[in-house]
């Protein structure tokens, strides 16, 4: 698989932010990057993930915008319904962002704190 041949930390996400592939350098940076995990779920439901962002609330806007963009008009898809329902019930922040009508956001870069093992 291409991900394992790259000389840098890398992972591949699916349409709903499911982790499909991850290489060892990426796992060394974040043990939450596991095949079958879900990055959107991590951002909103994992307290340790929240601690990585000095401005967590600001950092949550882009994943929701990306989720909307990925889904497009396919809002009757069961994967979307299940994940959006779970996050809406469990995360007040996701619920707030999901109610907004903003579809996309300009690209910028957010700073996160990644503790390096060792």
N, C-alpha and C. Protein backbone atom coordinates (compact mmCIF):
# COMPACT_ATOMS: atom_id res chain seq x y z
N UNK A 1 0.83 -1.17 0.00
CA UNK A 1 0.00 0.00 0.00
C UNK A 1 0.89 1.24 0.00
N UNK A 2 0.47 2.25 -0.72
CA UNK A 2 1.24 3.48 -0.89
C UNK A 2 1.59 4.14 0.44
N UNK A 3 0.66 4.15 1.38
CA UNK A 3 0.90 4.84 2.66
C UNK A 3 2.17 4.32 3.34
N UNK A 4 2.38 3.04 3.31
CA UNK A 4 3.54 2.47 4.01
C UNK A 4 4.86 2.73 3.29
N UNK A 5 4.82 3.22 2.06
CA UNK A 5 6.05 3.51 1.32
C UNK A 5 6.51 4.95 1.48
N UNK A 6 5.69 5.78 2.07
CA UNK A 6 6.04 7.19 2.22
C UNK A 6 7.04 7.38 3.36
N UNK A 7 7.99 8.29 3.20
CA UNK A 7 9.01 8.51 4.23
C UNK A 7 8.56 9.53 5.30
N UNK A 8 7.28 9.56 5.58
CA UNK A 8 6.74 10.51 6.55
C UNK A 8 5.45 9.96 7.14
N UNK A 9 5.00 10.52 8.25
CA UNK A 9 3.73 10.06 8.83
C UNK A 9 2.59 10.30 7.85
N UNK A 10 1.77 9.28 7.63
CA UNK A 10 0.66 9.41 6.69
C UNK A 10 -0.48 8.49 7.09
N UNK A 11 -1.69 8.94 6.77
CA UNK A 11 -2.86 8.09 6.94
C UNK A 11 -3.88 8.46 5.88
N UNK A 12 -4.82 7.55 5.63
CA UNK A 12 -5.85 7.75 4.63
C UNK A 12 -7.20 7.69 5.33
N UNK A 13 -8.05 8.70 5.04
CA UNK A 13 -9.40 8.74 5.59
C UNK A 13 -10.41 8.47 4.49
N UNK A 14 -11.52 7.86 4.88
CA UNK A 14 -12.63 7.67 3.97
C UNK A 14 -13.58 8.86 4.00
N UNK A 15 -14.67 8.71 3.33
CA UNK A 15 -15.67 9.76 3.18
C UNK A 15 -16.17 10.33 4.51
N UNK A 16 -16.31 9.46 5.48
CA UNK A 16 -16.83 9.88 6.79
C UNK A 16 -15.74 9.93 7.84
N UNK A 17 -14.50 10.16 7.41
CA UNK A 17 -13.35 10.33 8.29
C UNK A 17 -12.94 9.03 8.99
N UNK A 18 -13.35 7.90 8.44
CA UNK A 18 -12.88 6.61 8.95
C UNK A 18 -11.43 6.43 8.52
N UNK A 19 -10.59 5.95 9.42
CA UNK A 19 -9.19 5.71 9.09
C UNK A 19 -9.11 4.40 8.31
N UNK A 20 -8.65 4.48 7.07
CA UNK A 20 -8.58 3.31 6.19
C UNK A 20 -7.19 2.69 6.16
N UNK A 21 -6.17 3.51 6.34
CA UNK A 21 -4.79 3.03 6.33
C UNK A 21 -3.95 4.01 7.14
N UNK A 22 -2.90 3.48 7.78
CA UNK A 22 -2.02 4.33 8.58
C UNK A 22 -0.63 3.68 8.61
N UNK A 23 0.40 4.52 8.60
CA UNK A 23 1.75 3.96 8.65
C UNK A 23 2.33 4.11 10.06
N UNK A 24 3.38 3.35 10.36
CA UNK A 24 3.97 3.38 11.71
C UNK A 24 4.40 4.77 12.19
N UNK A 25 5.01 5.62 11.33
CA UNK A 25 5.36 6.96 11.84
C UNK A 25 4.14 7.77 12.30
N UNK A 26 3.01 7.61 11.62
CA UNK A 26 1.79 8.32 12.04
C UNK A 26 1.28 7.77 13.36
N UNK A 27 1.34 6.46 13.53
CA UNK A 27 0.92 5.84 14.79
C UNK A 27 1.80 6.32 15.94
N UNK A 28 3.10 6.51 15.66
CA UNK A 28 4.01 7.00 16.69
C UNK A 28 3.63 8.40 17.16
N UNK A 29 3.05 9.20 16.26
CA UNK A 29 2.61 10.55 16.63
C UNK A 29 1.26 10.56 17.33
N UNK A 30 0.39 9.64 16.95
CA UNK A 30 -0.95 9.59 17.55
C UNK A 30 -1.44 8.16 17.59
N UNK A 31 -1.54 7.63 18.79
CA UNK A 31 -2.04 6.26 18.94
C UNK A 31 -3.53 6.16 18.61
N UNK A 32 -4.20 7.30 18.43
CA UNK A 32 -5.62 7.28 18.04
C UNK A 32 -5.79 7.00 16.55
N UNK A 33 -4.71 7.07 15.81
CA UNK A 33 -4.79 6.75 14.38
C UNK A 33 -4.71 5.23 14.21
N UNK A 34 -5.86 4.62 14.20
CA UNK A 34 -5.93 3.17 14.02
C UNK A 34 -6.92 2.87 12.90
N UNK A 35 -6.61 1.88 12.10
CA UNK A 35 -7.53 1.47 11.05
C UNK A 35 -8.85 1.09 11.70
N UNK A 36 -9.93 1.64 11.18
CA UNK A 36 -11.26 1.41 11.73
C UNK A 36 -11.71 2.51 12.68
N UNK A 37 -10.76 3.34 13.13
CA UNK A 37 -11.13 4.47 13.98
C UNK A 37 -11.79 5.56 13.14
N UNK A 38 -12.30 6.57 13.80
CA UNK A 38 -12.97 7.65 13.09
C UNK A 38 -12.46 8.98 13.62
N UNK A 39 -11.83 9.76 12.76
CA UNK A 39 -11.23 11.03 13.17
C UNK A 39 -12.27 12.05 13.62
N UNK A 40 -13.43 12.08 13.00
CA UNK A 40 -14.46 13.03 13.40
C UNK A 40 -14.96 12.69 14.80
N UNK A 41 -15.17 11.43 15.04
CA UNK A 41 -15.58 10.97 16.38
C UNK A 41 -14.51 11.33 17.41
N UNK A 42 -13.25 11.13 17.07
CA UNK A 42 -12.16 11.47 17.99
C UNK A 42 -12.17 12.96 18.34
N UNK A 43 -12.30 13.82 17.33
CA UNK A 43 -12.25 15.26 17.57
C UNK A 43 -13.33 15.71 18.54
N UNK A 44 -14.52 15.13 18.43
CA UNK A 44 -15.63 15.59 19.26
C UNK A 44 -15.84 14.80 20.55
N UNK A 45 -15.40 13.56 20.60
CA UNK A 45 -15.74 12.73 21.75
C UNK A 45 -14.56 12.30 22.60
N UNK A 46 -13.34 12.46 22.12
CA UNK A 46 -12.17 12.00 22.87
C UNK A 46 -11.54 13.18 23.61
N UNK A 47 -11.60 13.18 24.96
CA UNK A 47 -11.04 14.30 25.72
C UNK A 47 -9.54 14.52 25.46
N UNK A 48 -8.80 13.46 25.22
CA UNK A 48 -7.37 13.61 24.94
C UNK A 48 -7.14 14.33 23.61
N UNK A 49 -7.99 14.07 22.65
CA UNK A 49 -7.89 14.76 21.36
C UNK A 49 -8.14 16.25 21.54
N UNK A 50 -9.12 16.58 22.35
CA UNK A 50 -9.45 17.98 22.62
C UNK A 50 -8.25 18.72 23.21
N UNK A 51 -7.50 18.05 24.05
CA UNK A 51 -6.34 18.67 24.69
C UNK A 51 -5.21 19.01 23.71
N UNK A 52 -5.25 18.44 22.52
CA UNK A 52 -4.20 18.70 21.53
C UNK A 52 -4.31 20.09 20.89
N UNK A 53 -5.46 20.73 21.02
CA UNK A 53 -5.71 21.99 20.33
C UNK A 53 -5.83 23.15 21.31
N UNK A 54 -4.94 24.14 21.23
CA UNK A 54 -5.07 25.32 22.08
C UNK A 54 -6.42 26.01 21.88
N UNK A 55 -6.92 26.01 20.64
CA UNK A 55 -8.24 26.58 20.32
C UNK A 55 -9.11 25.46 19.76
N UNK A 56 -9.56 24.58 20.64
CA UNK A 56 -10.33 23.42 20.21
C UNK A 56 -11.60 23.82 19.48
N UNK A 57 -12.34 24.79 20.01
CA UNK A 57 -13.59 25.19 19.36
C UNK A 57 -13.33 25.67 17.93
N UNK A 58 -12.30 26.47 17.73
CA UNK A 58 -11.96 26.91 16.39
C UNK A 58 -11.54 25.75 15.50
N UNK A 59 -10.83 24.81 16.08
CA UNK A 59 -10.34 23.66 15.31
C UNK A 59 -11.46 22.71 14.90
N UNK A 60 -12.62 22.78 15.54
CA UNK A 60 -13.71 21.86 15.21
C UNK A 60 -14.53 22.32 14.01
N UNK A 61 -14.41 23.56 13.61
CA UNK A 61 -15.23 24.06 12.51
C UNK A 61 -14.89 23.39 11.18
N UNK A 62 -13.62 23.21 10.90
CA UNK A 62 -13.21 22.65 9.61
C UNK A 62 -13.59 21.19 9.43
N UNK A 63 -13.44 20.36 10.44
CA UNK A 63 -13.89 18.98 10.24
C UNK A 63 -15.38 18.88 9.92
N UNK A 64 -16.20 19.71 10.54
CA UNK A 64 -17.63 19.67 10.24
C UNK A 64 -17.89 20.18 8.82
N UNK A 65 -17.20 21.24 8.42
CA UNK A 65 -17.35 21.73 7.05
C UNK A 65 -16.88 20.67 6.06
N UNK A 66 -15.78 19.99 6.37
CA UNK A 66 -15.30 18.91 5.50
C UNK A 66 -16.27 17.75 5.43
N UNK A 67 -16.89 17.45 6.56
CA UNK A 67 -17.89 16.38 6.62
C UNK A 67 -19.07 16.73 5.72
N UNK A 68 -19.55 17.97 5.82
CA UNK A 68 -20.65 18.41 4.95
C UNK A 68 -20.27 18.32 3.48
N UNK A 69 -19.06 18.78 3.18
CA UNK A 69 -18.61 18.76 1.79
C UNK A 69 -18.50 17.33 1.27
N UNK A 70 -18.01 16.44 2.10
CA UNK A 70 -17.86 15.04 1.71
C UNK A 70 -19.21 14.38 1.45
N UNK A 71 -20.19 14.71 2.27
CA UNK A 71 -21.52 14.11 2.14
C UNK A 71 -22.27 14.70 0.97
N UNK A 72 -22.11 16.00 0.75
CA UNK A 72 -22.82 16.67 -0.33
C UNK A 72 -24.32 16.56 -0.13
N UNK A 73 -25.02 16.11 -1.14
CA UNK A 73 -26.48 15.98 -1.06
C UNK A 73 -26.91 14.57 -0.68
N UNK A 74 -25.96 13.70 -0.40
CA UNK A 74 -26.26 12.29 -0.09
C UNK A 74 -26.61 12.11 1.39
N UNK A 75 -27.52 12.95 1.89
CA UNK A 75 -27.83 12.95 3.32
C UNK A 75 -28.74 11.80 3.74
N UNK A 76 -29.18 10.99 2.80
CA UNK A 76 -29.97 9.81 3.18
C UNK A 76 -29.09 8.57 3.33
N UNK A 77 -27.78 8.73 3.16
CA UNK A 77 -26.84 7.62 3.32
C UNK A 77 -26.81 7.19 4.79
N UNK A 78 -26.92 5.90 5.03
CA UNK A 78 -27.00 5.40 6.41
C UNK A 78 -25.73 5.69 7.21
N UNK A 79 -24.57 5.65 6.57
CA UNK A 79 -23.33 5.97 7.27
C UNK A 79 -23.34 7.41 7.79
N UNK A 80 -23.81 8.33 6.96
CA UNK A 80 -23.94 9.72 7.38
C UNK A 80 -24.95 9.86 8.51
N UNK A 81 -26.10 9.25 8.35
CA UNK A 81 -27.16 9.34 9.36
C UNK A 81 -26.66 8.82 10.70
N UNK A 82 -25.99 7.68 10.69
CA UNK A 82 -25.51 7.08 11.94
C UNK A 82 -24.46 7.96 12.63
N UNK A 83 -23.47 8.42 11.87
CA UNK A 83 -22.40 9.20 12.48
C UNK A 83 -22.91 10.57 12.93
N UNK A 84 -23.68 11.24 12.09
CA UNK A 84 -24.21 12.56 12.47
C UNK A 84 -25.14 12.43 13.67
N UNK A 85 -25.94 11.37 13.72
CA UNK A 85 -26.83 11.16 14.86
C UNK A 85 -26.06 10.92 16.14
N UNK A 86 -25.05 10.05 16.07
CA UNK A 86 -24.23 9.77 17.25
C UNK A 86 -23.56 11.04 17.77
N UNK A 87 -22.94 11.79 16.87
CA UNK A 87 -22.24 13.00 17.29
C UNK A 87 -23.20 14.08 17.77
N UNK A 88 -24.36 14.18 17.16
CA UNK A 88 -25.35 15.17 17.60
C UNK A 88 -25.84 14.89 19.00
N UNK A 89 -26.01 13.62 19.32
CA UNK A 89 -26.47 13.25 20.67
C UNK A 89 -25.37 13.42 21.71
N UNK A 90 -24.14 13.12 21.35
CA UNK A 90 -23.06 13.06 22.33
C UNK A 90 -22.24 14.35 22.47
N UNK A 91 -22.30 15.23 21.48
CA UNK A 91 -21.43 16.41 21.50
C UNK A 91 -22.22 17.70 21.28
N UNK A 92 -22.36 18.51 22.31
CA UNK A 92 -23.03 19.81 22.12
C UNK A 92 -22.33 20.67 21.06
N UNK A 93 -21.01 20.61 20.99
CA UNK A 93 -20.28 21.41 20.00
C UNK A 93 -20.61 20.96 18.58
N UNK A 94 -20.64 19.65 18.34
CA UNK A 94 -21.01 19.16 17.01
C UNK A 94 -22.44 19.60 16.68
N UNK A 95 -23.34 19.46 17.64
CA UNK A 95 -24.74 19.83 17.44
C UNK A 95 -24.83 21.31 17.02
N UNK A 96 -24.09 22.18 17.70
CA UNK A 96 -24.10 23.60 17.36
C UNK A 96 -23.59 23.83 15.94
N UNK A 97 -22.48 23.22 15.60
CA UNK A 97 -21.91 23.40 14.26
C UNK A 97 -22.78 22.78 13.18
N UNK A 98 -23.42 21.67 13.48
CA UNK A 98 -24.26 21.00 12.49
C UNK A 98 -25.48 21.85 12.14
N UNK A 99 -25.91 22.69 13.06
CA UNK A 99 -27.07 23.55 12.80
C UNK A 99 -26.74 24.74 11.91
N UNK A 100 -25.47 25.10 11.82
CA UNK A 100 -25.10 26.25 10.99
C UNK A 100 -25.20 25.86 9.53
N UNK A 101 -25.39 26.82 8.69
CA UNK A 101 -25.56 26.54 7.26
C UNK A 101 -24.28 26.73 6.46
N UNK A 102 -23.22 27.09 7.10
CA UNK A 102 -21.96 27.32 6.38
C UNK A 102 -21.47 26.01 5.78
N UNK A 103 -21.31 25.97 4.50
CA UNK A 103 -20.97 24.72 3.80
C UNK A 103 -19.47 24.47 3.74
N UNK A 104 -18.70 25.49 3.48
CA UNK A 104 -17.25 25.30 3.36
C UNK A 104 -16.54 26.44 4.07
N UNK A 105 -15.30 26.22 4.34
CA UNK A 105 -14.47 27.24 4.97
C UNK A 105 -13.18 27.35 4.18
N UNK A 106 -12.58 28.55 4.16
CA UNK A 106 -11.30 28.67 3.46
C UNK A 106 -10.24 27.82 4.14
N UNK A 107 -9.29 27.38 3.35
CA UNK A 107 -8.21 26.56 3.89
C UNK A 107 -7.29 27.43 4.73
N UNK A 108 -6.98 26.95 5.92
CA UNK A 108 -5.93 27.54 6.73
C UNK A 108 -5.35 26.42 7.57
N UNK A 109 -4.41 26.75 8.38
CA UNK A 109 -3.75 25.72 9.16
C UNK A 109 -3.90 26.02 10.64
N UNK A 110 -4.26 25.01 11.39
CA UNK A 110 -4.42 25.13 12.83
C UNK A 110 -3.23 24.46 13.52
N UNK A 111 -2.86 25.00 14.63
CA UNK A 111 -1.76 24.42 15.40
C UNK A 111 -2.32 23.44 16.39
N UNK A 112 -1.75 22.26 16.42
CA UNK A 112 -2.07 21.26 17.42
C UNK A 112 -0.80 20.89 18.16
N UNK A 113 -0.96 20.37 19.33
CA UNK A 113 0.19 19.94 20.13
C UNK A 113 0.25 18.43 20.07
N UNK A 114 1.32 17.90 19.53
CA UNK A 114 1.47 16.46 19.41
C UNK A 114 2.60 16.01 20.33
N UNK A 115 2.25 15.36 21.44
CA UNK A 115 3.31 14.86 22.32
C UNK A 115 4.07 13.73 21.64
N UNK A 116 5.37 13.84 21.61
CA UNK A 116 6.20 12.82 20.95
C UNK A 116 6.66 11.81 22.01
N UNK A 117 6.33 10.53 21.77
CA UNK A 117 6.74 9.51 22.75
C UNK A 117 8.26 9.42 22.87
N UNK A 118 8.69 9.05 24.04
CA UNK A 118 10.11 8.78 24.19
C UNK A 118 10.74 9.72 25.11
